[in-house]
């Protein structure tokens, strides 16, 4: 599974499912684990990526 994560952009899907499995393994309810993991990935990966691309293109033109 770890090798597959490098083939996908940011390990999309692999990371989330693994962390949800770990959280449910420590007795956190599945629905809360999913919300926590998706919220974390949104704020730590997707928002910076979506903001970073336009900024990178803008700075590249300067």
C-alpha atoms as a PDB file:
ATOM      1  CA  UNK A   1       0.000   0.000   0.000  1.00  0.00           C
ATOM      2  CA  UNK A   2       2.845   2.405   0.756  1.00  0.00           C
ATOM      3  CA  UNK A   3       4.279   2.053  -2.744  1.00  0.00           C
ATOM      4  CA  UNK A   4       0.908   2.734  -4.346  1.00  0.00           C
ATOM      5  CA  UNK A   5       0.600   5.975  -2.346  1.00  0.00           C
ATOM      6  CA  UNK A   6       3.587   7.429  -4.210  1.00  0.00           C
ATOM      7  CA  UNK A   7       1.916   6.863  -7.582  1.00  0.00           C
ATOM      8  CA  UNK A   8      -1.138   8.924  -6.705  1.00  0.00           C
ATOM      9  CA  UNK A   9      -1.208  12.673  -6.180  1.00  0.00           C
ATOM     10  CA  UNK A  10      -0.520  13.061  -2.473  1.00  0.00           C
ATOM     11  CA  UNK A  11      -1.572   9.467  -1.784  1.00  0.00           C
ATOM     12  CA  UNK A  12      -5.217  10.390  -2.352  1.00  0.00           C
ATOM     13  CA  UNK A  13      -7.478   7.707  -0.939  1.00  0.00           C
ATOM     14  CA  UNK A  14      -4.673   5.569   0.479  1.00  0.00           C
ATOM     15  CA  UNK A  15      -3.763   8.023   3.227  1.00  0.00           C
ATOM     16  CA  UNK A  16      -7.368   8.744   4.143  1.00  0.00           C
ATOM     17  CA  UNK A  17      -8.411   5.112   4.365  1.00  0.00           C
ATOM     18  CA  UNK A  18      -5.331   4.177   6.394  1.00  0.00           C
ATOM     19  CA  UNK A  19      -5.810   6.973   8.913  1.00  0.00           C
ATOM     20  CA  UNK A  20      -9.534   6.212   9.248  1.00  0.00           C
ATOM     21  CA  UNK A  21      -8.635   2.568   9.922  1.00  0.00           C
ATOM     22  CA  UNK A  22      -6.144   3.649  12.577  1.00  0.00           C
ATOM     23  CA  UNK A  23      -8.681   5.949  14.249  1.00  0.00           C
ATOM     24  CA  UNK A  24     -11.385   3.299  14.276  1.00  0.00           C
ATOM     25  CA  UNK A  25      -8.808   0.910  15.703  1.00  0.00           C
ATOM     26  CA  UNK A  26      -8.488   3.142  18.763  1.00  0.00           C
ATOM     27  CA  UNK A  27     -12.261   3.058  19.304  1.00  0.00           C
ATOM     28  CA  UNK A  28     -13.188   6.320  17.559  1.00  0.00           C
ATOM     29  CA  UNK A  29     -16.577   6.009  15.835  1.00  0.00           C
ATOM     30  CA  UNK A  30     -16.245   5.583  12.061  1.00  0.00           C
ATOM     31  CA  UNK A  31     -18.342   8.608  11.111  1.00  0.00           C
ATOM     32  CA  UNK A  32     -16.298  10.935  13.327  1.00  0.00           C
ATOM     33  CA  UNK A  33     -13.039   9.449  12.046  1.00  0.00           C
ATOM     34  CA  UNK A  34     -14.055  10.098   8.445  1.00  0.00           C
ATOM     35  CA  UNK A  35     -15.010  13.712   9.170  1.00  0.00           C
ATOM     36  CA  UNK A  36     -11.777  14.345  11.074  1.00  0.00           C
ATOM     37  CA  UNK A  37      -9.566  12.823   8.372  1.00  0.00           C
ATOM     38  CA  UNK A  38     -11.288  14.561   5.460  1.00  0.00           C
ATOM     39  CA  UNK A  39     -11.223  17.901   7.281  1.00  0.00           C
ATOM     40  CA  UNK A  40      -7.531  17.489   8.036  1.00  0.00           C
ATOM     41  CA  UNK A  41      -6.694  16.587   4.425  1.00  0.00           C
ATOM     42  CA  UNK A  42      -8.765  19.481   3.116  1.00  0.00           C
ATOM     43  CA  UNK A  43      -6.927  22.029   5.260  1.00  0.00           C
ATOM     44  CA  UNK A  44      -3.471  20.488   4.997  1.00  0.00           C
ATOM     45  CA  UNK A  45      -3.397  19.390   1.335  1.00  0.00           C
ATOM     46  CA  UNK A  46      -6.215  20.531  -0.918  1.00  0.00           C
ATOM     47  CA  UNK A  47      -6.627  24.186   0.084  1.00  0.00           C
ATOM     48  CA  UNK A  48      -2.872  24.947  -0.060  1.00  0.00           C
ATOM     49  CA  UNK A  49      -2.642  23.115  -3.396  1.00  0.00           C
ATOM     50  CA  UNK A  50      -5.559  24.992  -4.922  1.00  0.00           C
ATOM     51  CA  UNK A  51      -4.250  28.336  -3.665  1.00  0.00           C
ATOM     52  CA  UNK A  52      -0.651  27.531  -4.560  1.00  0.00           C
ATOM     53  CA  UNK A  53      -1.126  26.797  -8.264  1.00  0.00           C
ATOM     54  CA  UNK A  54      -2.437  30.261  -9.226  1.00  0.00           C
ATOM     55  CA  UNK A  55       0.185  31.914  -7.033  1.00  0.00           C
ATOM     56  CA  UNK A  56       2.947  29.834  -8.626  1.00  0.00           C
ATOM     57  CA  UNK A  57       1.802  30.758 -12.146  1.00  0.00           C
ATOM     58  CA  UNK A  58       1.610  34.415 -11.158  1.00  0.00           C
ATOM     59  CA  UNK A  59       5.061  34.406  -9.574  1.00  0.00           C
ATOM     60  CA  UNK A  60       6.499  32.537 -12.529  1.00  0.00           C
ATOM     61  CA  UNK A  61       5.353  35.321 -14.863  1.00  0.00           C
ATOM     62  CA  UNK A  62       7.078  38.026 -12.798  1.00  0.00           C
END
